[in-house]
Amino acid sequence: MSRSVRIKSCALAWAFVAAVTAVDIDWALRYQDSAASWETNPAMLWVMETYGITAAAAVRAGSVVFAAVVALRAPGRCQLPATCLATAAHIYLATTYALIFWGPCEIIGL
């Protein structure tokens, strides 16, 4: 695969990650009163409890931007694993939100 195709593929994957992150931040801001009950990341839960939901949203967005910049500007050794890991995690998160928003029956067409 040529370098330009690899960079475009990675950029597309990171655009997906950014879109899911935007939905995640929107969800957190809308339902901040119950955030402690559904947050599964202990570090993010600590940030929420210590500094508030806005700080947690900033950390979330900042970490994704940092990871994307590192992955897109890194030599080939880091680029693929970082992109695959972030994409897989955000596919899981997107699936979770799809199940919450539409329910499993509507997704599979029942």
N, C-alpha and C. Protein backbone atom coordinates (compact mmCIF):
# COMPACT_ATOMS: atom_id res chain seq x y z
N MET A 1 0.85 -1.17 0.00
CA MET A 1 0.00 0.00 0.00
C MET A 1 0.90 1.23 0.00
N SER A 2 0.57 2.18 -0.86
CA SER A 2 1.39 3.38 -0.94
C SER A 2 1.19 4.25 0.30
N ARG A 3 2.15 5.11 0.53
CA ARG A 3 2.11 5.98 1.71
C ARG A 3 0.88 6.90 1.68
N SER A 4 0.53 7.45 0.53
CA SER A 4 -0.62 8.38 0.47
C SER A 4 -1.93 7.65 0.74
N VAL A 5 -2.05 6.42 0.25
CA VAL A 5 -3.27 5.64 0.53
C VAL A 5 -3.34 5.30 2.01
N ARG A 6 -2.21 4.94 2.60
CA ARG A 6 -2.18 4.61 4.03
C ARG A 6 -2.56 5.83 4.87
N ILE A 7 -2.05 6.99 4.52
CA ILE A 7 -2.36 8.21 5.26
C ILE A 7 -3.84 8.56 5.10
N LYS A 8 -4.38 8.42 3.88
CA LYS A 8 -5.80 8.71 3.68
C LYS A 8 -6.67 7.73 4.44
N SER A 9 -6.29 6.46 4.47
CA SER A 9 -7.06 5.46 5.22
C SER A 9 -7.02 5.77 6.71
N CYS A 10 -5.85 6.12 7.21
CA CYS A 10 -5.73 6.48 8.62
C CYS A 10 -6.52 7.74 8.94
N ALA A 11 -6.47 8.72 8.05
CA ALA A 11 -7.23 9.95 8.27
C ALA A 11 -8.72 9.67 8.32
N LEU A 12 -9.20 8.78 7.45
CA LEU A 12 -10.61 8.40 7.46
C LEU A 12 -10.98 7.69 8.77
N ALA A 13 -10.11 6.81 9.22
CA ALA A 13 -10.36 6.12 10.49
C ALA A 13 -10.39 7.12 11.65
N TRP A 14 -9.48 8.07 11.64
CA TRP A 14 -9.44 9.07 12.71
C TRP A 14 -10.63 10.03 12.63
N ALA A 15 -11.15 10.26 11.44
CA ALA A 15 -12.38 11.06 11.31
C ALA A 15 -13.55 10.33 11.97
N PHE A 16 -13.62 9.01 11.78
CA PHE A 16 -14.63 8.21 12.46
C PHE A 16 -14.46 8.30 13.97
N VAL A 17 -13.23 8.17 14.44
CA VAL A 17 -12.96 8.27 15.88
C VAL A 17 -13.40 9.63 16.41
N ALA A 18 -13.11 10.69 15.66
CA ALA A 18 -13.51 12.04 16.08
C ALA A 18 -15.02 12.18 16.13
N ALA A 19 -15.73 11.61 15.17
CA ALA A 19 -17.19 11.69 15.16
C ALA A 19 -17.79 10.96 16.36
N VAL A 20 -17.28 9.78 16.66
CA VAL A 20 -17.78 9.03 17.82
C VAL A 20 -17.44 9.77 19.11
N THR A 21 -16.27 10.37 19.16
CA THR A 21 -15.89 11.17 20.33
C THR A 21 -16.83 12.35 20.52
N ALA A 22 -17.21 13.00 19.43
CA ALA A 22 -18.16 14.13 19.53
C ALA A 22 -19.50 13.67 20.09
N VAL A 23 -19.98 12.51 19.64
CA VAL A 23 -21.23 11.96 20.18
C VAL A 23 -21.06 11.63 21.67
N ASP A 24 -19.93 11.06 22.02
CA ASP A 24 -19.66 10.70 23.41
C ASP A 24 -19.63 11.93 24.31
N ILE A 25 -18.98 12.99 23.85
CA ILE A 25 -18.93 14.23 24.64
C ILE A 25 -20.31 14.85 24.75
N ASP A 26 -21.06 14.85 23.65
CA ASP A 26 -22.43 15.38 23.68
C ASP A 26 -23.28 14.60 24.69
N TRP A 27 -23.16 13.29 24.66
CA TRP A 27 -23.90 12.43 25.60
C TRP A 27 -23.53 12.78 27.04
N ALA A 28 -22.24 12.90 27.30
CA ALA A 28 -21.78 13.21 28.66
C ALA A 28 -22.31 14.56 29.13
N LEU A 29 -22.31 15.55 28.26
CA LEU A 29 -22.79 16.88 28.65
C LEU A 29 -24.31 16.89 28.86
N ARG A 30 -25.03 16.15 28.04
CA ARG A 30 -26.49 16.10 28.19
C ARG A 30 -26.92 15.38 29.46
N TYR A 31 -26.22 14.31 29.79
CA TYR A 31 -26.61 13.47 30.92
C TYR A 31 -25.58 13.51 32.04
N GLN A 32 -25.06 14.70 32.29
CA GLN A 32 -24.00 14.83 33.29
C GLN A 32 -24.45 14.51 34.71
N ASP A 33 -25.75 14.63 34.97
CA ASP A 33 -26.23 14.32 36.32
C ASP A 33 -26.06 12.84 36.67
N SER A 34 -26.08 11.98 35.67
CA SER A 34 -25.94 10.55 35.93
C SER A 34 -24.62 9.98 35.42
N ALA A 35 -23.68 10.84 35.08
CA ALA A 35 -22.42 10.41 34.47
C ALA A 35 -21.66 9.41 35.34
N ALA A 36 -21.68 9.60 36.63
CA ALA A 36 -20.93 8.70 37.52
C ALA A 36 -21.47 7.28 37.48
N SER A 37 -22.73 7.11 37.13
CA SER A 37 -23.31 5.77 37.12
C SER A 37 -23.00 4.99 35.85
N TRP A 38 -22.69 5.66 34.74
CA TRP A 38 -22.42 4.93 33.50
C TRP A 38 -20.98 5.01 33.02
N GLU A 39 -20.17 5.86 33.59
CA GLU A 39 -18.76 5.96 33.17
C GLU A 39 -18.01 4.72 33.66
N THR A 40 -17.32 4.05 32.73
CA THR A 40 -16.59 2.82 33.09
C THR A 40 -15.08 3.03 33.22
N ASN A 41 -14.59 4.17 32.79
CA ASN A 41 -13.16 4.45 32.86
C ASN A 41 -12.86 5.11 34.21
N PRO A 42 -12.12 4.45 35.08
CA PRO A 42 -11.86 5.01 36.41
C PRO A 42 -11.10 6.35 36.37
N ALA A 43 -10.19 6.51 35.43
CA ALA A 43 -9.45 7.78 35.33
C ALA A 43 -10.40 8.91 34.94
N MET A 44 -11.28 8.65 33.99
CA MET A 44 -12.22 9.69 33.56
C MET A 44 -13.24 9.97 34.66
N LEU A 45 -13.63 8.95 35.38
CA LEU A 45 -14.54 9.16 36.51
C LEU A 45 -13.89 10.06 37.56
N TRP A 46 -12.61 9.85 37.82
CA TRP A 46 -11.89 10.70 38.77
C TRP A 46 -11.84 12.14 38.26
N VAL A 47 -11.57 12.33 36.97
CA VAL A 47 -11.54 13.69 36.40
C VAL A 47 -12.91 14.34 36.55
N MET A 48 -13.97 13.59 36.25
CA MET A 48 -15.33 14.14 36.39
C MET A 48 -15.63 14.56 37.82
N GLU A 49 -15.30 13.69 38.75
CA GLU A 49 -15.61 13.98 40.15
C GLU A 49 -14.73 15.10 40.71
N THR A 50 -13.49 15.20 40.26
CA THR A 50 -12.57 16.19 40.79
C THR A 50 -12.70 17.55 40.11
N TYR A 51 -12.80 17.55 38.79
CA TYR A 51 -12.76 18.81 38.03
C TYR A 51 -14.05 19.15 37.29
N GLY A 52 -14.96 18.21 37.19
CA GLY A 52 -16.23 18.48 36.53
C GLY A 52 -16.32 17.89 35.14
N ILE A 53 -17.53 17.91 34.62
CA ILE A 53 -17.81 17.29 33.33
C ILE A 53 -17.15 18.03 32.17
N THR A 54 -17.03 19.35 32.28
CA THR A 54 -16.40 20.12 31.20
C THR A 54 -14.92 19.76 31.08
N ALA A 55 -14.26 19.60 32.20
CA ALA A 55 -12.85 19.19 32.18
C ALA A 55 -12.71 17.78 31.61
N ALA A 56 -13.64 16.91 31.96
CA ALA A 56 -13.61 15.55 31.43
C ALA A 56 -13.79 15.56 29.91
N ALA A 57 -14.69 16.41 29.42
CA ALA A 57 -14.90 16.52 27.98
C ALA A 57 -13.64 17.05 27.29
N ALA A 58 -12.98 18.01 27.92
CA ALA A 58 -11.74 18.56 27.35
C ALA A 58 -10.63 17.51 27.33
N VAL A 59 -10.53 16.72 28.38
CA VAL A 59 -9.53 15.65 28.42
C VAL A 59 -9.83 14.62 27.33
N ARG A 60 -11.09 14.28 27.18
CA ARG A 60 -11.50 13.29 26.16
C ARG A 60 -11.14 13.79 24.76
N ALA A 61 -11.53 15.02 24.46
CA ALA A 61 -11.24 15.58 23.14
C ALA A 61 -9.73 15.74 22.93
N GLY A 62 -9.06 16.24 23.93
CA GLY A 62 -7.61 16.45 23.83
C GLY A 62 -6.84 15.15 23.63
N SER A 63 -7.26 14.10 24.31
CA SER A 63 -6.55 12.82 24.16
C SER A 63 -6.74 12.23 22.76
N VAL A 64 -7.93 12.40 22.19
CA VAL A 64 -8.15 11.90 20.84
C VAL A 64 -7.36 12.73 19.82
N VAL A 65 -7.35 14.03 19.98
CA VAL A 65 -6.57 14.88 19.07
C VAL A 65 -5.08 14.52 19.16
N PHE A 66 -4.57 14.37 20.38
CA PHE A 66 -3.17 14.01 20.56
C PHE A 66 -2.86 12.67 19.89
N ALA A 67 -3.69 11.66 20.14
CA ALA A 67 -3.46 10.34 19.56
C ALA A 67 -3.52 10.39 18.04
N ALA A 68 -4.46 11.15 17.49
CA ALA A 68 -4.58 11.26 16.03
C ALA A 68 -3.35 11.93 15.43
N VAL A 69 -2.89 13.00 16.05
CA VAL A 69 -1.71 13.70 15.53
C VAL A 69 -0.49 12.79 15.59
N VAL A 70 -0.32 12.09 16.69
CA VAL A 70 0.82 11.18 16.80
C VAL A 70 0.72 10.08 15.75
N ALA A 71 -0.46 9.50 15.60
CA ALA A 71 -0.62 8.40 14.64
C ALA A 71 -0.43 8.86 13.20
N LEU A 72 -0.95 10.02 12.87
CA LEU A 72 -0.86 10.48 11.49
C LEU A 72 0.52 11.02 11.12
N ARG A 73 1.26 11.46 12.12
CA ARG A 73 2.58 12.02 11.82
C ARG A 73 3.72 11.05 12.15
N ALA A 74 3.38 9.91 12.75
CA ALA A 74 4.42 8.96 13.15
C ALA A 74 4.87 8.12 11.96
N PRO A 75 6.08 7.63 12.04
CA PRO A 75 6.52 6.68 11.03
C PRO A 75 5.65 5.42 11.09
N GLY A 76 5.73 4.59 10.12
CA GLY A 76 4.88 3.42 9.98
C GLY A 76 4.74 2.52 11.18
N ARG A 77 5.71 2.47 12.07
CA ARG A 77 5.66 1.52 13.18
C ARG A 77 4.54 1.81 14.15
N CYS A 78 4.25 3.07 14.45
CA CYS A 78 3.20 3.44 15.40
C CYS A 78 1.85 3.65 14.75
N GLN A 79 1.86 4.04 13.52
CA GLN A 79 0.65 4.49 12.85
C GLN A 79 -0.43 3.42 12.83
N LEU A 80 -0.13 2.25 12.35
CA LEU A 80 -1.14 1.21 12.21
C LEU A 80 -1.67 0.70 13.55
N PRO A 81 -0.81 0.36 14.51
CA PRO A 81 -1.36 -0.12 15.79
C PRO A 81 -2.20 0.93 16.52
N ALA A 82 -1.75 2.17 16.52
CA ALA A 82 -2.51 3.22 17.22
C ALA A 82 -3.86 3.45 16.55
N THR A 83 -3.86 3.47 15.23
CA THR A 83 -5.10 3.70 14.50
C THR A 83 -6.05 2.53 14.68
N CYS A 84 -5.55 1.32 14.59
CA CYS A 84 -6.40 0.13 14.76
C CYS A 84 -6.98 0.05 16.16
N LEU A 85 -6.17 0.33 17.15
CA LEU A 85 -6.66 0.29 18.53
C LEU A 85 -7.74 1.34 18.78
N ALA A 86 -7.48 2.55 18.35
CA ALA A 86 -8.47 3.62 18.55
C ALA A 86 -9.75 3.34 17.77
N THR A 87 -9.61 2.86 16.54
CA THR A 87 -10.79 2.56 15.74
C THR A 87 -11.60 1.44 16.35
N ALA A 88 -10.95 0.38 16.81
CA ALA A 88 -11.67 -0.73 17.43
C ALA A 88 -12.41 -0.27 18.69
N ALA A 89 -11.76 0.52 19.51
CA ALA A 89 -12.41 1.02 20.73
C ALA A 89 -13.62 1.88 20.39
N HIS A 90 -13.51 2.67 19.35
CA HIS A 90 -14.63 3.55 18.99
C HIS A 90 -15.72 2.83 18.21
N ILE A 91 -15.39 1.73 17.54
CA ILE A 91 -16.44 0.88 16.98
C ILE A 91 -17.27 0.28 18.11
N TYR A 92 -16.60 -0.17 19.16
CA TYR A 92 -17.32 -0.69 20.33
C TYR A 92 -18.20 0.41 20.94
N LEU A 93 -17.66 1.60 21.10
CA LEU A 93 -18.43 2.70 21.68
C LEU A 93 -19.60 3.09 20.79
N ALA A 94 -19.38 3.14 19.48
CA ALA A 94 -20.47 3.46 18.55
C ALA A 94 -21.56 2.40 18.59
N THR A 95 -21.17 1.14 18.71
CA THR A 95 -22.15 0.05 18.83
C THR A 95 -22.94 0.19 20.11
N THR A 96 -22.29 0.54 21.18
CA THR A 96 -22.98 0.75 22.46
C THR A 96 -24.00 1.87 22.34
N TYR A 97 -23.62 2.98 21.74
CA TYR A 97 -24.57 4.08 21.56
C TYR A 97 -25.71 3.69 20.63
N ALA A 98 -25.41 2.92 19.59
CA ALA A 98 -26.48 2.46 18.69
C ALA A 98 -27.49 1.60 19.44
N LEU A 99 -27.00 0.74 20.31
CA LEU A 99 -27.91 -0.09 21.11
C LEU A 99 -28.72 0.75 22.09
N ILE A 100 -28.11 1.79 22.64
CA ILE A 100 -28.84 2.67 23.56
C ILE A 100 -29.89 3.48 22.81
N PHE A 101 -29.52 4.06 21.68
CA PHE A 101 -30.42 4.94 20.94
C PHE A 101 -31.57 4.18 20.29
N TRP A 102 -31.25 3.05 19.65
CA TRP A 102 -32.27 2.36 18.86
C TRP A 102 -32.69 1.03 19.43
N GLY A 103 -31.93 0.47 20.34
CA GLY A 103 -32.26 -0.84 20.88
C GLY A 103 -31.85 -1.96 19.94
N PRO A 104 -31.59 -3.13 20.49
CA PRO A 104 -31.09 -4.24 19.65
C PRO A 104 -32.09 -4.72 18.62
N CYS A 105 -33.37 -4.68 18.91
CA CYS A 105 -34.36 -5.18 17.96
C CYS A 105 -34.44 -4.33 16.71
N GLU A 106 -34.38 -3.02 16.87
CA GLU A 106 -34.45 -2.15 15.70
C GLU A 106 -33.20 -2.24 14.84
N ILE A 107 -32.04 -2.51 15.46
CA ILE A 107 -30.80 -2.61 14.70
C ILE A 107 -30.82 -3.84 13.81
N ILE A 108 -31.30 -4.97 14.33
CA ILE A 108 -31.30 -6.20 13.53
C ILE A 108 -32.57 -6.36 12.72
N GLY A 109 -33.50 -5.43 12.83
CA GLY A 109 -34.68 -5.44 11.98
C GLY A 109 -35.86 -6.23 12.51
N LEU A 110 -35.92 -6.47 13.79
CA LEU A 110 -37.08 -7.20 14.34
C LEU A 110 -38.17 -6.25 14.78
